[in-house]
Amino acid sequence: MSRPHTRANPNPQEPDLANIVATLQRQLQEQQQETNQLREQVAQLNQIPQVNEVPPQNNPVPPTVPQVPEIYQEVLLAPAGQQRNPPLVREDLLYERFSQMKAPEFEGTTDPIVANNWLIDIQVILDFMGLTEQEKVLCASFALKKDARLWWMTVQMRRNVANMSWQDFVAEFSTMYYNREILAVQQNEFTSFKQGSMSVMEAVKKF
């Protein structure tokens, strides 16, 4: 007795579509979860401040204050009545102004009357120019020539003349050129002088 012939199925068993769909859905859910985790990590990193990053300040930035030149700071900060003298003008401009006044030069002398006359003439010009104490000294030194210039150089070596007052200059000048003995003799001669036939102006010119 022969066995019944079994016909082979040419097509293999087809996969279950429901399982395939379920697998795909599971994989999509896993990918979605991973994506959400990555987003959370990125958000946390963005919340961490950078090392060199300066946190914003609520206080407004004060306006920039312009710098005051140092030469004027002492004037602004000094108590009232103690401000130092205003700065000297440029020496070349000061010399130009002084030269226009045609001030007399002083070369030095042993005659105290001549020295006194020059000092009076120069002081009239300096007062007219409206100069400061230091500017007066500077202009007067411009007019010193020859022996008088050498004397002034010795004064500069002995002391600081940059801030010398006009009174100090007159004191130094008087010490050098006002020979009290000669001045006293000339004053006595003028007092005891008998005018005679000379006019008053001639007598004044003699002395």
N, C-alpha and C. Protein backbone atom coordinates (compact mmCIF):
# COMPACT_ATOMS: atom_id res chain seq x y z
N MET A 1 0.86 -1.17 0.00
CA MET A 1 0.00 0.00 0.00
C MET A 1 0.88 1.21 0.00
N SER A 2 0.64 2.04 -0.93
CA SER A 2 1.53 3.20 -1.09
C SER A 2 1.01 4.37 -0.27
N ARG A 3 2.03 5.27 0.25
CA ARG A 3 1.67 6.47 1.03
C ARG A 3 1.09 7.53 0.12
N PRO A 4 0.18 8.30 0.70
CA PRO A 4 -0.33 9.38 -0.14
C PRO A 4 0.75 10.42 -0.40
N HIS A 5 0.81 10.89 -1.59
CA HIS A 5 1.86 11.85 -2.01
C HIS A 5 1.54 13.23 -1.43
N THR A 6 2.48 13.77 -0.65
CA THR A 6 2.30 15.12 -0.06
C THR A 6 2.93 16.15 -0.97
N ARG A 7 2.13 17.13 -1.37
CA ARG A 7 2.62 18.18 -2.30
C ARG A 7 3.34 19.27 -1.50
N ALA A 8 4.53 19.56 -1.88
CA ALA A 8 5.33 20.61 -1.19
C ALA A 8 4.77 21.98 -1.50
N ASN A 9 4.76 22.89 -0.44
CA ASN A 9 4.31 24.28 -0.63
C ASN A 9 5.45 25.09 -1.19
N PRO A 10 5.26 25.58 -2.42
CA PRO A 10 6.39 26.31 -3.04
C PRO A 10 6.71 27.61 -2.32
N ASN A 11 5.78 28.20 -1.62
CA ASN A 11 6.02 29.49 -0.94
C ASN A 11 6.22 29.25 0.54
N PRO A 12 7.28 29.79 1.15
CA PRO A 12 7.45 29.63 2.58
C PRO A 12 6.35 30.34 3.33
N GLN A 13 6.25 30.03 4.63
CA GLN A 13 5.20 30.66 5.45
C GLN A 13 5.44 32.16 5.56
N GLU A 14 4.43 32.97 5.23
CA GLU A 14 4.55 34.42 5.24
C GLU A 14 4.59 34.91 6.69
N PRO A 15 5.43 35.95 7.01
CA PRO A 15 5.50 36.45 8.38
C PRO A 15 4.19 37.11 8.78
N ASP A 16 3.98 37.14 10.09
CA ASP A 16 2.76 37.74 10.62
C ASP A 16 2.87 39.25 10.55
N LEU A 17 2.01 39.92 9.83
CA LEU A 17 2.06 41.37 9.65
C LEU A 17 1.83 42.11 10.97
N ALA A 18 1.04 41.53 11.83
CA ALA A 18 0.76 42.20 13.10
C ALA A 18 2.02 42.30 13.95
N ASN A 19 2.85 41.23 13.91
CA ASN A 19 4.11 41.28 14.67
C ASN A 19 5.06 42.33 14.11
N ILE A 20 5.10 42.42 12.78
CA ILE A 20 5.99 43.40 12.15
C ILE A 20 5.59 44.81 12.56
N VAL A 21 4.32 45.09 12.50
CA VAL A 21 3.84 46.43 12.85
C VAL A 21 4.14 46.74 14.31
N ALA A 22 3.95 45.75 15.19
CA ALA A 22 4.22 45.96 16.60
C ALA A 22 5.69 46.24 16.86
N THR A 23 6.55 45.50 16.13
CA THR A 23 8.01 45.72 16.28
C THR A 23 8.40 47.12 15.85
N LEU A 24 7.86 47.55 14.72
CA LEU A 24 8.19 48.89 14.23
C LEU A 24 7.70 49.97 15.21
N GLN A 25 6.51 49.78 15.74
CA GLN A 25 6.01 50.76 16.69
C GLN A 25 6.88 50.83 17.94
N ARG A 26 7.38 49.68 18.40
CA ARG A 26 8.23 49.65 19.58
C ARG A 26 9.55 50.38 19.32
N GLN A 27 10.11 50.14 18.12
CA GLN A 27 11.36 50.81 17.77
C GLN A 27 11.18 52.33 17.67
N LEU A 28 10.04 52.74 17.12
CA LEU A 28 9.77 54.17 17.03
C LEU A 28 9.64 54.81 18.41
N GLN A 29 8.99 54.09 19.32
CA GLN A 29 8.86 54.61 20.68
C GLN A 29 10.21 54.73 21.37
N GLU A 30 11.09 53.74 21.16
CA GLU A 30 12.42 53.81 21.76
C GLU A 30 13.22 54.99 21.21
N GLN A 31 13.12 55.18 19.88
CA GLN A 31 13.83 56.31 19.28
C GLN A 31 13.29 57.65 19.80
N GLN A 32 11.96 57.69 19.98
CA GLN A 32 11.36 58.92 20.49
C GLN A 32 11.84 59.21 21.91
N GLN A 33 11.96 58.17 22.73
CA GLN A 33 12.46 58.34 24.09
C GLN A 33 13.90 58.83 24.10
N GLU A 34 14.74 58.24 23.22
CA GLU A 34 16.14 58.67 23.14
C GLU A 34 16.23 60.13 22.70
N THR A 35 15.36 60.49 21.75
CA THR A 35 15.36 61.89 21.29
C THR A 35 14.97 62.84 22.41
N ASN A 36 13.97 62.47 23.19
CA ASN A 36 13.56 63.31 24.31
C ASN A 36 14.66 63.44 25.36
N GLN A 37 15.38 62.36 25.62
CA GLN A 37 16.48 62.40 26.57
C GLN A 37 17.59 63.33 26.09
N LEU A 38 17.90 63.27 24.81
CA LEU A 38 18.93 64.16 24.25
C LEU A 38 18.51 65.62 24.37
N ARG A 39 17.24 65.89 24.12
CA ARG A 39 16.77 67.26 24.24
C ARG A 39 16.90 67.76 25.68
N GLU A 40 16.57 66.90 26.64
CA GLU A 40 16.70 67.30 28.04
C GLU A 40 18.15 67.58 28.42
N GLN A 41 19.08 66.76 27.93
CA GLN A 41 20.50 66.97 28.22
C GLN A 41 21.00 68.29 27.62
N VAL A 42 20.57 68.56 26.38
CA VAL A 42 20.98 69.83 25.74
C VAL A 42 20.44 71.02 26.52
N ALA A 43 19.19 70.92 26.98
CA ALA A 43 18.60 72.02 27.74
C ALA A 43 19.34 72.24 29.05
N GLN A 44 19.76 71.16 29.71
CA GLN A 44 20.52 71.30 30.96
C GLN A 44 21.88 71.93 30.72
N LEU A 45 22.54 71.57 29.62
CA LEU A 45 23.84 72.17 29.30
C LEU A 45 23.71 73.66 29.03
N ASN A 46 22.65 74.07 28.38
CA ASN A 46 22.46 75.49 28.09
C ASN A 46 22.23 76.32 29.35
N GLN A 47 21.74 75.67 30.41
CA GLN A 47 21.50 76.39 31.66
C GLN A 47 22.75 76.58 32.50
N ILE A 48 23.83 75.86 32.22
CA ILE A 48 25.08 75.97 32.98
C ILE A 48 25.86 77.19 32.47
N PRO A 49 26.23 78.21 33.32
CA PRO A 49 26.98 79.38 32.83
C PRO A 49 28.39 78.99 32.41
N GLN A 50 28.86 79.65 31.35
CA GLN A 50 30.22 79.41 30.88
C GLN A 50 31.23 80.00 31.86
N VAL A 51 32.45 79.47 31.82
CA VAL A 51 33.50 79.90 32.77
C VAL A 51 33.84 81.36 32.57
N ASN A 52 34.01 81.80 31.31
CA ASN A 52 34.42 83.17 31.01
C ASN A 52 33.24 84.10 30.82
N GLU A 53 32.05 83.56 30.95
CA GLU A 53 30.88 84.39 30.72
C GLU A 53 30.57 85.20 31.96
N VAL A 54 30.37 86.49 31.80
CA VAL A 54 30.07 87.38 32.92
C VAL A 54 28.57 87.47 33.05
N PRO A 55 28.01 87.12 34.22
CA PRO A 55 26.56 87.18 34.37
C PRO A 55 26.07 88.61 34.22
N PRO A 56 24.91 88.78 33.64
CA PRO A 56 24.39 90.14 33.45
C PRO A 56 24.14 90.82 34.78
N GLN A 57 24.40 92.11 34.82
CA GLN A 57 24.22 92.90 36.03
C GLN A 57 23.01 93.80 35.87
N ASN A 58 22.28 93.90 36.97
CA ASN A 58 21.10 94.74 36.94
C ASN A 58 21.43 96.21 37.12
N ASN A 59 22.61 96.47 37.74
CA ASN A 59 22.99 97.85 37.98
C ASN A 59 23.40 98.52 36.68
N PRO A 60 22.91 99.71 36.41
CA PRO A 60 23.32 100.40 35.17
C PRO A 60 24.77 100.82 35.23
N VAL A 61 25.41 100.86 34.08
CA VAL A 61 26.82 101.27 34.00
C VAL A 61 26.89 102.77 34.17
N PRO A 62 27.71 103.26 35.12
CA PRO A 62 27.80 104.71 35.33
C PRO A 62 28.43 105.37 34.12
N PRO A 63 28.04 106.61 33.83
CA PRO A 63 28.63 107.31 32.69
C PRO A 63 30.10 107.57 32.89
N THR A 64 30.83 107.60 31.81
CA THR A 64 32.27 107.84 31.87
C THR A 64 32.54 109.29 32.23
N VAL A 65 33.38 109.50 33.25
CA VAL A 65 33.73 110.85 33.69
C VAL A 65 34.99 111.29 32.96
N PRO A 66 34.97 112.43 32.29
CA PRO A 66 36.18 112.88 31.58
C PRO A 66 37.31 113.15 32.55
N GLN A 67 38.52 112.79 32.13
CA GLN A 67 39.70 113.00 32.96
C GLN A 67 40.08 114.47 32.99
N VAL A 68 40.36 114.98 34.19
CA VAL A 68 40.79 116.36 34.36
C VAL A 68 42.30 116.41 34.32
N PRO A 69 42.89 117.29 33.49
CA PRO A 69 44.36 117.38 33.45
C PRO A 69 44.93 117.59 34.84
N GLU A 70 46.08 116.98 35.08
CA GLU A 70 46.69 117.02 36.42
C GLU A 70 46.97 118.43 36.88
N ILE A 71 47.29 119.29 35.93
CA ILE A 71 47.67 120.65 36.32
C ILE A 71 46.49 121.40 36.92
N TYR A 72 45.22 120.97 36.58
CA TYR A 72 44.04 121.62 37.13
C TYR A 72 43.47 120.86 38.32
N GLN A 73 43.89 119.61 38.52
CA GLN A 73 43.36 118.83 39.63
C GLN A 73 43.73 119.46 40.96
N GLU A 74 44.96 119.98 41.07
CA GLU A 74 45.38 120.60 42.32
C GLU A 74 44.53 121.83 42.63
N VAL A 75 44.13 122.56 41.59
CA VAL A 75 43.30 123.74 41.80
C VAL A 75 41.92 123.34 42.27
N LEU A 76 41.37 122.25 41.69
CA LEU A 76 40.02 121.82 42.05
C LEU A 76 39.98 121.22 43.44
N LEU A 77 41.02 120.47 43.82
CA LEU A 77 41.02 119.75 45.08
C LEU A 77 41.53 120.59 46.24
N ALA A 78 42.24 121.66 45.98
CA ALA A 78 42.80 122.47 47.06
C ALA A 78 41.70 123.24 47.76
N PRO A 79 41.82 123.44 49.10
CA PRO A 79 40.82 124.24 49.82
C PRO A 79 40.77 125.66 49.29
N ALA A 80 39.67 126.31 49.55
CA ALA A 80 39.50 127.68 49.07
C ALA A 80 40.58 128.57 49.66
N GLY A 81 41.13 129.42 48.84
CA GLY A 81 42.18 130.33 49.27
C GLY A 81 43.56 129.74 49.23
N GLN A 82 43.67 128.44 48.90
CA GLN A 82 44.98 127.80 48.86
C GLN A 82 45.33 127.31 47.47
N GLN A 83 44.56 127.71 46.46
CA GLN A 83 44.89 127.29 45.11
C GLN A 83 46.23 127.87 44.71
N ARG A 84 46.97 127.08 43.99
CA ARG A 84 48.28 127.57 43.56
C ARG A 84 48.09 128.55 42.42
N ASN A 85 49.14 129.28 42.10
CA ASN A 85 49.08 130.27 41.05
C ASN A 85 48.75 129.62 39.72
N PRO A 86 48.07 130.33 38.81
CA PRO A 86 47.76 129.74 37.51
C PRO A 86 49.04 129.41 36.76
N PRO A 87 49.00 128.41 35.87
CA PRO A 87 50.22 127.99 35.17
C PRO A 87 50.76 129.10 34.29
N LEU A 88 52.07 129.12 34.15
CA LEU A 88 52.71 130.11 33.30
C LEU A 88 52.33 129.87 31.85
N VAL A 89 52.25 130.96 31.10
CA VAL A 89 52.03 130.81 29.68
C VAL A 89 53.32 130.30 29.04
N ARG A 90 53.24 129.90 27.80
CA ARG A 90 54.43 129.42 27.11
C ARG A 90 55.47 130.53 27.07
N GLU A 91 56.72 130.15 27.32
CA GLU A 91 57.78 131.15 27.44
C GLU A 91 57.98 131.92 26.14
N ASP A 92 57.81 131.25 24.99
CA ASP A 92 58.04 131.96 23.74
C ASP A 92 56.99 133.05 23.53
N LEU A 93 55.72 132.75 23.88
CA LEU A 93 54.68 133.77 23.75
C LEU A 93 54.88 134.89 24.76
N LEU A 94 55.31 134.54 25.97
CA LEU A 94 55.56 135.55 26.99
C LEU A 94 56.72 136.45 26.58
N TYR A 95 57.77 135.86 26.02
CA TYR A 95 58.92 136.65 25.58
C TYR A 95 58.52 137.59 24.44
N GLU A 96 57.64 137.11 23.57
CA GLU A 96 57.20 137.95 22.45
C GLU A 96 56.43 139.17 22.96
N ARG A 97 55.55 138.95 23.92
CA ARG A 97 54.81 140.08 24.51
C ARG A 97 55.75 141.06 25.20
N PHE A 98 56.70 140.50 25.95
CA PHE A 98 57.63 141.35 26.70
C PHE A 98 58.52 142.15 25.75
N SER A 99 58.93 141.55 24.65
CA SER A 99 59.80 142.24 23.70
C SER A 99 59.08 143.42 23.05
N GLN A 100 57.78 143.30 22.87
CA GLN A 100 57.03 144.39 22.26
C GLN A 100 56.95 145.62 23.17
N MET A 101 57.24 145.44 24.45
CA MET A 101 57.19 146.56 25.39
C MET A 101 58.46 147.40 25.36
N LYS A 102 59.48 146.95 24.64
CA LYS A 102 60.75 147.69 24.54
C LYS A 102 61.34 147.97 25.92
N ALA A 103 61.36 146.96 26.75
CA ALA A 103 61.87 147.12 28.11
C ALA A 103 63.37 147.37 28.09
N PRO A 104 63.89 148.20 29.00
CA PRO A 104 65.33 148.46 29.04
C PRO A 104 66.09 147.23 29.53
N GLU A 105 67.28 147.06 28.98
CA GLU A 105 68.13 145.96 29.41
C GLU A 105 68.99 146.42 30.59
N PHE A 106 69.47 145.44 31.35
CA PHE A 106 70.33 145.74 32.49
C PHE A 106 71.56 144.86 32.40
N GLU A 107 72.74 145.52 32.32
CA GLU A 107 73.99 144.79 32.15
C GLU A 107 74.79 144.69 33.44
N GLY A 108 74.26 145.27 34.52
CA GLY A 108 75.02 145.29 35.77
C GLY A 108 75.68 146.64 35.96
N THR A 109 75.84 147.05 37.20
CA THR A 109 76.43 148.34 37.49
C THR A 109 76.87 148.38 38.95
N THR A 110 77.77 149.32 39.23
CA THR A 110 78.16 149.56 40.62
C THR A 110 77.44 150.77 41.20
N ASP A 111 76.61 151.40 40.37
CA ASP A 111 75.87 152.58 40.80
C ASP A 111 74.47 152.15 41.24
N PRO A 112 74.15 152.25 42.53
CA PRO A 112 72.83 151.82 42.99
C PRO A 112 71.69 152.64 42.42
N ILE A 113 71.97 153.91 42.07
CA ILE A 113 70.92 154.74 41.48
C ILE A 113 70.52 154.18 40.12
N VAL A 114 71.50 153.79 39.32
CA VAL A 114 71.21 153.21 38.00
C VAL A 114 70.42 151.91 38.16
N ALA A 115 70.85 151.09 39.13
CA ALA A 115 70.15 149.83 39.36
C ALA A 115 68.72 150.07 39.81
N ASN A 116 68.53 151.06 40.68
CA ASN A 116 67.18 151.36 41.17
C ASN A 116 66.29 151.88 40.05
N ASN A 117 66.85 152.72 39.19
CA ASN A 117 66.07 153.26 38.07
C ASN A 117 65.63 152.14 37.12
N TRP A 118 66.52 151.20 36.86
CA TRP A 118 66.13 150.08 35.97
C TRP A 118 65.03 149.26 36.62
N LEU A 119 65.16 149.01 37.92
CA LEU A 119 64.16 148.19 38.60
C LEU A 119 62.79 148.87 38.57
N ILE A 120 62.77 150.19 38.75
CA ILE A 120 61.50 150.92 38.70
C ILE A 120 60.90 150.84 37.30
N ASP A 121 61.73 151.06 36.28
CA ASP A 121 61.23 151.03 34.90
C ASP A 121 60.68 149.65 34.53
N ILE A 122 61.40 148.61 34.91
CA ILE A 122 60.98 147.26 34.54
C ILE A 122 59.70 146.87 35.28
N GLN A 123 59.57 147.34 36.53
CA GLN A 123 58.37 146.97 37.30
C GLN A 123 57.13 147.66 36.74
N VAL A 124 57.28 148.87 36.25
CA VAL A 124 56.14 149.56 35.62
C VAL A 124 55.63 148.76 34.42
N ILE A 125 56.56 148.24 33.62
CA ILE A 125 56.17 147.46 32.44
C ILE A 125 55.51 146.15 32.85
N LEU A 126 56.08 145.48 33.83
CA LEU A 126 55.53 144.19 34.26
C LEU A 126 54.13 144.35 34.85
N ASP A 127 53.93 145.42 35.62
CA ASP A 127 52.60 145.66 36.18
C ASP A 127 51.60 145.97 35.07
N PHE A 128 52.03 146.71 34.07
CA PHE A 128 51.14 147.04 32.95
C PHE A 128 50.73 145.79 32.18
N MET A 129 51.63 144.82 32.08
CA MET A 129 51.32 143.59 31.35
C MET A 129 50.39 142.67 32.13
N GLY A 130 50.20 142.93 33.42
CA GLY A 130 49.30 142.11 34.21
C GLY A 130 49.80 140.69 34.42
N LEU A 131 51.06 140.54 34.75
CA LEU A 131 51.68 139.22 34.87
C LEU A 131 51.57 138.68 36.29
N THR A 132 51.75 137.38 36.41
CA THR A 132 51.82 136.74 37.72
C THR A 132 53.21 136.97 38.32
N GLU A 133 53.39 136.55 39.56
CA GLU A 133 54.67 136.73 40.23
C GLU A 133 55.79 136.03 39.46
N GLN A 134 55.56 134.78 39.09
CA GLN A 134 56.60 134.00 38.41
C GLN A 134 56.87 134.55 37.00
N GLU A 135 55.82 135.03 36.34
CA GLU A 135 56.02 135.60 35.00
C GLU A 135 56.81 136.89 35.06
N LYS A 136 56.64 137.66 36.11
CA LYS A 136 57.44 138.88 36.27
C LYS A 136 58.92 138.54 36.39
N VAL A 137 59.22 137.53 37.21
CA VAL A 137 60.62 137.13 37.38
C VAL A 137 61.19 136.64 36.05
N LEU A 138 60.41 135.87 35.31
CA LEU A 138 60.88 135.34 34.04
C LEU A 138 61.17 136.46 33.05
N CYS A 139 60.27 137.44 32.96
CA CYS A 139 60.48 138.55 32.02
C CYS A 139 61.66 139.42 32.45
N ALA A 140 61.78 139.68 33.74
CA ALA A 140 62.91 140.48 34.20
C ALA A 140 64.23 139.79 33.90
N SER A 141 64.26 138.47 34.00
CA SER A 141 65.50 137.75 33.69
C SER A 141 65.83 137.82 32.20
N PHE A 142 64.80 137.99 31.35
CA PHE A 142 65.06 138.17 29.92
C PHE A 142 65.90 139.42 29.66
N ALA A 143 65.70 140.46 30.49
CA ALA A 143 66.36 141.75 30.27
C ALA A 143 67.76 141.81 30.86
N LEU A 144 68.19 140.78 31.57
CA LEU A 144 69.53 140.78 32.17
C LEU A 144 70.57 140.37 31.13
N LYS A 145 71.61 141.17 30.99
CA LYS A 145 72.65 140.91 29.99
C LYS A 145 74.03 141.00 30.66
N LYS A 146 75.00 140.41 29.99
CA LYS A 146 76.42 140.48 30.36
C LYS A 146 76.62 140.13 31.85
N ASP A 147 77.20 141.08 32.64
CA ASP A 147 77.49 140.77 34.04
C ASP A 147 76.23 140.43 34.83
N ALA A 148 75.14 141.11 34.52
CA ALA A 148 73.88 140.84 35.21
C ALA A 148 73.38 139.43 34.90
N ARG A 149 73.61 138.98 33.67
CA ARG A 149 73.22 137.61 33.32
C ARG A 149 74.05 136.60 34.09
N LEU A 150 75.34 136.85 34.26
CA LEU A 150 76.19 135.95 35.05
C LEU A 150 75.73 135.92 36.51
N TRP A 151 75.37 137.08 37.03
CA TRP A 151 74.86 137.10 38.41
C TRP A 151 73.60 136.26 38.54
N TRP A 152 72.70 136.37 37.57
CA TRP A 152 71.44 135.61 37.62
C TRP A 152 71.70 134.11 37.54
N MET A 153 72.70 133.71 36.79
CA MET A 153 73.05 132.30 36.70
C MET A 153 73.53 131.76 38.05
N THR A 154 74.24 132.60 38.81
CA THR A 154 74.66 132.16 40.15
C THR A 154 73.46 132.02 41.08
N VAL A 155 72.47 132.90 40.91
CA VAL A 155 71.25 132.78 41.71
C VAL A 155 70.53 131.48 41.38
N GLN A 156 70.48 131.13 40.10
CA GLN A 156 69.81 129.89 39.69
C GLN A 156 70.51 128.66 40.25
N MET A 157 71.83 128.75 40.43
CA MET A 157 72.55 127.62 41.00
C MET A 157 72.33 127.51 42.51
N ARG A 158 72.06 128.63 43.16
CA ARG A 158 71.87 128.64 44.62
C ARG A 158 70.48 128.21 45.04
N ARG A 159 69.48 128.51 44.22
CA ARG A 159 68.10 128.26 44.64
C ARG A 159 67.23 127.96 43.43
N ASN A 160 66.07 127.43 43.71
CA ASN A 160 65.10 127.13 42.65
C ASN A 160 64.32 128.40 42.33
N VAL A 161 64.50 128.90 41.11
CA VAL A 161 63.86 130.16 40.73
C VAL A 161 62.55 129.92 39.98
N ALA A 162 62.16 128.66 39.79
CA ALA A 162 60.94 128.37 39.03
C ALA A 162 59.71 128.96 39.70
N ASN A 163 59.68 128.94 41.04
CA ASN A 163 58.54 129.48 41.78
C ASN A 163 58.90 130.73 42.57
N MET A 164 59.96 131.42 42.15
CA MET A 164 60.39 132.62 42.86
C MET A 164 59.36 133.73 42.69
N SER A 165 59.04 134.41 43.77
CA SER A 165 58.11 135.54 43.71
C SER A 165 58.87 136.80 43.29
N TRP A 166 58.11 137.81 42.90
CA TRP A 166 58.74 139.06 42.49
C TRP A 166 59.44 139.72 43.68
N GLN A 167 58.88 139.60 44.86
CA GLN A 167 59.53 140.16 46.05
C GLN A 167 60.89 139.50 46.30
N ASP A 168 60.96 138.19 46.07
CA ASP A 168 62.25 137.50 46.24
C ASP A 168 63.26 137.97 45.21
N PHE A 169 62.79 138.21 43.97
CA PHE A 169 63.70 138.71 42.94
C PHE A 169 64.25 140.08 43.34
N VAL A 170 63.37 140.95 43.80
CA VAL A 170 63.81 142.29 44.21
C VAL A 170 64.80 142.20 45.36
N ALA A 171 64.58 141.27 46.28
CA ALA A 171 65.51 141.11 47.41
C ALA A 171 66.87 140.64 46.93
N GLU A 172 66.90 139.67 46.02
CA GLU A 172 68.17 139.20 45.46
C GLU A 172 68.87 140.32 44.69
N PHE A 173 68.10 141.06 43.91
CA PHE A 173 68.66 142.15 43.11
C PHE A 173 69.23 143.24 44.02
N SER A 174 68.50 143.56 45.08
CA SER A 174 68.95 144.62 45.99
C SER A 174 70.23 144.21 46.72
N THR A 175 70.31 142.96 47.11
CA THR A 175 71.51 142.49 47.80
C THR A 175 72.74 142.63 46.91
N MET A 176 72.55 142.43 45.61
CA MET A 176 73.69 142.47 44.69
C MET A 176 74.04 143.89 44.27
N TYR A 177 73.06 144.73 43.98
CA TYR A 177 73.34 145.99 43.29
C TYR A 177 73.07 147.23 44.13
N TYR A 178 72.51 147.07 45.32
CA TYR A 178 72.32 148.24 46.16
C TYR A 178 73.43 148.30 47.19
N ASN A 179 74.55 148.94 46.82
CA ASN A 179 75.65 149.15 47.75
C ASN A 179 75.25 150.28 48.69
N ARG A 180 74.95 149.93 49.92
CA ARG A 180 74.41 150.91 50.85
C ARG A 180 75.39 152.05 51.14
N GLU A 181 76.68 151.75 51.14
CA GLU A 181 77.66 152.80 51.43
C GLU A 181 77.67 153.84 50.32
N ILE A 182 77.71 153.36 49.06
CA ILE A 182 77.71 154.31 47.93
C ILE A 182 76.40 155.07 47.88
N LEU A 183 75.29 154.37 48.13
CA LEU A 183 73.99 155.02 48.11
C LEU A 183 73.89 156.10 49.18
N ALA A 184 74.44 155.82 50.35
CA ALA A 184 74.41 156.82 51.44
C ALA A 184 75.23 158.04 51.08
N VAL A 185 76.40 157.83 50.45
CA VAL A 185 77.24 158.96 50.04
C VAL A 185 76.52 159.83 49.03
N GLN A 186 75.88 159.21 48.04
CA GLN A 186 75.19 159.99 47.02
C GLN A 186 74.00 160.73 47.60
N GLN A 187 73.31 160.13 48.54
CA GLN A 187 72.19 160.82 49.17
C GLN A 187 72.67 162.03 49.97
N ASN A 188 73.81 161.88 50.64
CA ASN A 188 74.36 163.01 51.39
C ASN A 188 74.79 164.13 50.45
N GLU A 189 75.40 163.76 49.33
CA GLU A 189 75.81 164.77 48.36
C GLU A 189 74.60 165.52 47.82
N PHE A 190 73.54 164.79 47.54
CA PHE A 190 72.35 165.43 47.00
C PHE A 190 71.71 166.35 48.05
N THR A 191 71.72 165.91 49.31
CA THR A 191 71.11 166.72 50.37
C THR A 191 71.90 168.00 50.61
N SER A 192 73.24 167.89 50.62
CA SER A 192 74.09 169.05 50.91
C SER A 192 74.43 169.87 49.67
N PHE A 193 73.91 169.44 48.51
CA PHE A 193 74.25 170.14 47.27
C PHE A 193 73.59 171.52 47.25
N LYS A 194 74.38 172.51 46.87
CA LYS A 194 73.86 173.87 46.72
C LYS A 194 73.58 174.09 45.26
N GLN A 195 72.37 174.39 44.98
CA GLN A 195 71.93 174.44 43.60
C GLN A 195 72.67 175.50 42.80
N GLY A 196 72.90 176.65 43.35
CA GLY A 196 73.60 177.70 42.65
C GLY A 196 72.83 178.14 41.42
N SER A 197 73.52 178.20 40.30
CA SER A 197 72.90 178.66 39.06
C SER A 197 72.23 177.53 38.29
N MET A 198 72.34 176.30 38.75
CA MET A 198 71.74 175.16 38.05
C MET A 198 70.25 175.11 38.35
N SER A 199 69.50 174.70 37.35
CA SER A 199 68.07 174.52 37.55
C SER A 199 67.81 173.24 38.35
N VAL A 200 66.58 173.09 38.81
CA VAL A 200 66.23 171.90 39.57
C VAL A 200 66.38 170.65 38.71
N MET A 201 65.96 170.72 37.44
CA MET A 201 66.06 169.57 36.55
C MET A 201 67.51 169.20 36.30
N GLU A 202 68.39 170.19 36.19
CA GLU A 202 69.81 169.90 35.99
C GLU A 202 70.39 169.22 37.22
N ALA A 203 69.95 169.65 38.39
CA ALA A 203 70.45 169.03 39.61
C ALA A 203 69.97 167.59 39.72
N VAL A 204 68.73 167.36 39.34
CA VAL A 204 68.20 165.99 39.38
C VAL A 204 68.95 165.11 38.41
N LYS A 205 69.25 165.61 37.20
CA LYS A 205 69.97 164.82 36.21
C LYS A 205 71.38 164.48 36.69
N LYS A 206 71.99 165.38 37.46
CA LYS A 206 73.34 165.11 37.94
C LYS A 206 73.35 163.90 38.86
N PHE A 207 72.29 163.75 39.62
CA PHE A 207 72.23 162.64 40.56
C PHE A 207 71.30 161.55 40.07
